[in-house]
Amino acid sequence: MQDEQRQHERRPIDLVVEVQAPIKCVLSDVSALGARLTVDCATVLPNEFMLVLNNELRRWCRVKWRSDDQVGVEFVAMPEAHVRSEDSDVSRRVA
């Protein structure tokens, strides 16, 4: 794991979450600005992805570091193209 250079304290957590495809991973710790995910193979995760915590809580993530089985991510604003796509998905479900 990386040297401790975090701006916000992380809380230990052990929660199964999904990433896109879905790729199963475990949320190992989390802070206001990012998280550490444990996965079978860290190289399968793209550099940016949507982390799905539950049906209502999602975070767009950017990979900051990788090891064999862990990934450190920062939470970032969702790219504009994805925001428009999600808005149209919601419109179709409501209609």
Protein backbone atom coordinates (compact mmCIF):
# COMPACT_ATOMS: atom_id res chain seq x y z
CA MET A 1 0.00 0.00 0.00
CA GLN A 2 1.08 3.62 -0.55
CA ASP A 3 2.65 5.88 2.06
CA GLU A 4 0.05 7.75 4.08
CA GLN A 5 -0.42 11.05 2.21
CA ARG A 6 -4.17 11.41 2.66
CA GLN A 7 -5.92 14.70 3.34
CA HIS A 8 -8.88 13.00 5.04
CA GLU A 9 -8.94 10.19 7.57
CA ARG A 10 -10.19 6.85 6.25
CA ARG A 11 -12.57 4.54 8.08
CA PRO A 12 -12.10 0.77 7.85
CA ILE A 13 -14.99 -0.95 6.09
CA ASP A 14 -15.68 -4.36 4.58
CA LEU A 15 -18.50 -3.91 2.05
CA VAL A 16 -19.02 -5.80 -1.21
CA VAL A 17 -19.65 -3.31 -4.04
CA GLU A 18 -19.80 -3.43 -7.85
CA VAL A 19 -17.84 -1.58 -10.50
CA GLN A 20 -19.36 -1.18 -13.98
CA ALA A 21 -19.42 -4.55 -15.82
CA PRO A 22 -20.13 -5.56 -12.89
CA ILE A 23 -16.75 -6.31 -11.38
CA LYS A 24 -17.09 -7.52 -7.80
CA CYS A 25 -14.75 -5.92 -5.30
CA VAL A 26 -14.59 -5.10 -1.60
CA LEU A 27 -14.57 -1.54 -0.34
CA SER A 28 -11.73 -1.84 2.17
CA ASP A 29 -11.67 1.72 3.47
CA VAL A 30 -13.29 5.00 2.54
CA SER A 31 -12.91 8.74 3.14
CA ALA A 32 -14.71 11.84 1.91
CA LEU A 33 -12.41 12.02 -1.14
CA GLY A 34 -11.69 8.40 -2.06
CA ALA A 35 -11.45 4.73 -1.21
CA ARG A 36 -9.35 1.58 -1.31
CA LEU A 37 -10.86 -1.36 -3.20
CA THR A 38 -9.73 -4.98 -2.97
CA VAL A 39 -10.22 -6.99 -6.18
CA ASP A 40 -9.06 -10.32 -7.59
CA CYS A 41 -6.96 -8.54 -10.22
CA ALA A 42 -6.47 -4.76 -10.09
CA THR A 43 -5.56 -4.55 -13.77
CA VAL A 44 -9.15 -5.34 -14.85
CA LEU A 45 -10.39 -1.99 -13.54
CA PRO A 46 -10.37 0.90 -16.02
CA ASN A 47 -8.67 4.19 -15.06
CA GLU A 48 -12.10 5.78 -14.46
CA PHE A 49 -15.33 4.02 -13.54
CA MET A 50 -18.62 4.23 -11.67
CA LEU A 51 -18.52 2.65 -8.20
CA VAL A 52 -21.98 1.33 -7.28
CA LEU A 53 -22.42 1.18 -3.51
CA ASN A 54 -26.17 0.51 -3.66
CA ASN A 55 -29.10 1.39 -5.93
CA GLU A 56 -29.04 5.04 -4.86
CA LEU A 57 -25.39 5.70 -4.02
CA ARG A 58 -22.82 5.81 -6.80
CA ARG A 59 -19.48 7.58 -7.12
CA TRP A 60 -17.40 8.29 -10.22
CA CYS A 61 -13.81 7.20 -9.47
CA ARG A 62 -10.35 7.81 -10.89
CA VAL A 63 -7.57 5.32 -10.09
CA LYS A 64 -4.67 6.92 -8.19
CA TRP A 65 -2.61 3.76 -7.55
CA ARG A 66 -2.73 -0.02 -8.11
CA SER A 67 -1.16 -3.09 -6.54
CA ASP A 68 -1.79 -6.73 -7.47
CA ASP A 69 -5.12 -6.92 -5.65
CA GLN A 70 -5.93 -3.37 -4.49
CA VAL A 71 -6.73 -0.04 -6.07
CA GLY A 72 -6.75 3.41 -4.53
CA VAL A 73 -9.33 5.74 -6.08
CA GLU A 74 -10.34 9.35 -5.71
CA PHE A 75 -13.95 10.43 -6.09
CA VAL A 76 -14.30 12.89 -8.98
CA ALA A 77 -17.09 14.66 -10.84
CA MET A 78 -18.81 12.49 -13.41
CA PRO A 79 -17.73 13.35 -16.99
CA GLU A 80 -20.33 15.41 -18.85
CA ALA A 81 -21.02 12.68 -21.43
CA HIS A 82 -21.98 10.25 -18.65
CA VAL A 83 -24.19 12.83 -16.93
CA ARG A 84 -26.21 13.33 -20.14
CA SER A 85 -26.43 9.56 -20.66
CA GLU A 86 -27.69 8.96 -17.11
CA ASP A 87 -30.22 11.81 -17.45
CA SER A 88 -31.65 10.23 -20.60
CA ASP A 89 -31.77 6.80 -18.89
CA VAL A 90 -33.84 8.32 -16.07
CA SER A 91 -36.14 10.04 -18.57
CA ARG A 92 -36.78 6.73 -20.36
CA ARG A 93 -37.56 4.93 -17.09
CA VAL A 94 -39.99 7.67 -15.97
CA ALA A 95 -41.80 7.86 -19.33
